[in-house]
Protein backbone atom coordinates (compact mmCIF):
# COMPACT_ATOMS: atom_id res chain seq x y z
CA UNK A 1 -21.20 -7.05 -19.72
CA UNK A 2 -17.52 -7.15 -18.89
CA UNK A 3 -15.55 -8.78 -21.65
CA UNK A 4 -14.02 -12.12 -20.75
CA UNK A 5 -10.43 -11.26 -21.77
CA UNK A 6 -10.61 -8.21 -19.49
CA UNK A 7 -11.80 -10.33 -16.58
CA UNK A 8 -9.03 -12.92 -17.27
CA UNK A 9 -6.41 -10.09 -17.47
CA UNK A 10 -7.71 -8.70 -14.20
CA UNK A 11 -7.61 -12.03 -12.40
CA UNK A 12 -4.07 -12.70 -13.65
CA UNK A 13 -2.93 -9.18 -12.64
CA UNK A 14 -4.49 -9.54 -9.17
CA UNK A 15 -2.93 -13.01 -8.61
CA UNK A 16 0.46 -11.59 -9.68
CA UNK A 17 0.03 -8.76 -7.18
CA UNK A 18 -0.93 -11.09 -4.38
CA UNK A 19 1.98 -13.45 -5.19
CA UNK A 20 4.37 -10.51 -5.12
CA UNK A 21 3.10 -9.24 -1.84
CA UNK A 22 3.27 -12.67 -0.19
CA UNK A 23 6.85 -13.15 -1.52
CA UNK A 24 7.84 -9.75 -0.02
CA UNK A 25 6.24 -10.68 3.27
CA UNK A 26 7.97 -14.18 3.32
CA UNK A 27 11.34 -12.59 2.43
CA UNK A 28 10.71 -10.01 5.24
CA UNK A 29 11.19 -7.11 2.86
CA UNK A 30 7.61 -5.95 3.64
CA UNK A 31 6.06 -6.00 7.02
CA UNK A 32 2.70 -7.47 7.56
CA UNK A 33 1.08 -4.30 8.84
CA UNK A 34 2.01 -2.48 5.67
CA UNK A 35 1.16 -5.38 3.51
CA UNK A 36 -2.36 -5.44 4.68
CA UNK A 37 -3.54 -2.71 2.40
CA UNK A 38 -1.84 -4.35 -0.59
CA UNK A 39 -3.47 -7.67 0.32
CA UNK A 40 -6.85 -6.00 0.58
CA UNK A 41 -6.34 -4.23 -2.75
CA UNK A 42 -5.34 -7.60 -4.48
CA UNK A 43 -8.38 -9.45 -3.01
CA UNK A 44 -10.85 -6.84 -3.93
CA UNK A 45 -9.34 -6.65 -7.53
CA UNK A 46 -9.44 -10.41 -7.72
CA UNK A 47 -13.14 -10.65 -6.60
CA UNK A 48 -14.20 -7.96 -8.91
CA UNK A 49 -12.21 -9.45 -11.89
CA UNK A 50 -13.40 -12.88 -11.35
CA UNK A 51 -17.03 -12.08 -10.46
CA UNK A 52 -18.16 -10.31 -13.58
CA UNK A 53 -21.79 -9.83 -12.46
CA UNK A 54 -20.51 -7.92 -9.29
CA UNK A 55 -18.44 -5.63 -11.41
CA UNK A 56 -21.34 -4.96 -13.70
CA UNK A 57 -23.47 -4.24 -10.64
CA UNK A 58 -20.95 -1.83 -9.15
CA UNK A 59 -20.60 -0.12 -12.52
CA UNK A 60 -24.25 0.29 -12.60
CA UNK A 61 -24.33 1.87 -9.12
CA UNK A 62 -21.53 4.17 -10.12
CA UNK A 63 -23.41 5.20 -13.27
CA UNK A 64 -20.80 3.58 -15.66
CA UNK A 65 -22.85 2.17 -18.53
CA UNK A 66 -20.41 2.16 -21.41
CA UNK A 67 -17.49 0.09 -20.15
CA UNK A 68 -17.94 -1.63 -16.78
CA UNK A 69 -14.18 -2.56 -16.38
CA UNK A 70 -13.48 1.19 -15.96
CA UNK A 71 -14.77 0.65 -12.42
CA UNK A 72 -12.19 -2.05 -11.89
CA UNK A 73 -9.50 0.54 -12.67
CA UNK A 74 -11.11 3.17 -10.56
CA UNK A 75 -11.20 0.85 -7.60
CA UNK A 76 -7.60 -0.06 -8.13
CA UNK A 77 -6.66 3.62 -8.31
CA UNK A 78 -8.62 4.29 -5.10
CA UNK A 79 -6.83 1.60 -3.26
CA UNK A 80 -3.41 2.83 -4.56
CA UNK A 81 -4.25 6.31 -3.38
CA UNK A 82 -5.18 4.90 0.15
CA UNK A 83 -1.92 3.03 0.31
CA UNK A 84 0.08 6.15 -0.71
CA UNK A 85 -1.71 8.22 1.92
CA UNK A 86 -0.99 5.58 4.52
CA UNK A 87 2.72 5.46 3.57
CA UNK A 88 2.81 9.35 3.70
CA UNK A 89 1.61 9.36 7.19
CA UNK A 90 4.13 6.61 8.17
CA UNK A 91 6.92 8.54 6.49
CA UNK A 92 5.92 11.75 8.27
CA UNK A 93 5.93 10.13 11.60
CA UNK A 94 9.41 8.49 10.94
CA UNK A 95 10.81 11.82 9.88
CA UNK A 96 9.67 13.37 13.06
CA UNK A 97 11.03 10.56 15.25
CA UNK A 98 14.32 10.80 13.19
CA UNK A 99 14.63 14.56 14.08
CA UNK A 100 14.08 13.75 17.79
CA UNK A 101 16.74 11.01 17.67
CA UNK A 102 19.23 13.33 15.94
CA UNK A 103 18.59 15.99 18.71
CA UNK A 104 19.05 13.39 21.44
CA UNK A 105 22.26 12.19 19.91
CA UNK A 106 23.60 15.68 19.62
CA UNK A 107 22.89 16.28 23.30
CA UNK A 108 24.58 12.96 24.23
CA UNK A 109 27.64 13.77 22.14
CA UNK A 110 27.82 17.22 23.80
CA UNK A 111 27.53 15.74 27.26
CA UNK A 112 30.21 13.12 26.35
CA UNK A 113 32.56 15.83 25.10
CA UNK A 114 31.96 17.80 28.28
CA UNK A 115 32.71 14.78 30.44
CA UNK A 116 35.80 13.96 28.45
CA UNK A 117 37.00 17.54 28.82
CA UNK A 118 36.46 17.45 32.53
CA UNK A 119 38.40 14.18 32.90
CA UNK A 120 41.74 15.70 31.63
């Protein structure tokens, strides 16, 4: 059985995470589409922390018999990896778009210099 102090700590940590995410959304420092994964992570962690029998059941399914809260940390780590992978794809896309924009800007500057040179 999951120890009560561990469950309480998990609930508090999950609520802190959700509060921070909501505050970042409210202050427009985090967009909703990127916050979705963090919100799902917080909710899943909150449910598993608060519902101790569910955590013990998942631990049994995963074959963890010694310390069921280890599954809570594994689930949290899994979600963090998913969030990092999502952000890596977003950053890669933005880097590609940035290169295209730099090339277009260089072409426009060259055209502007050419037109300025012809106008003399």
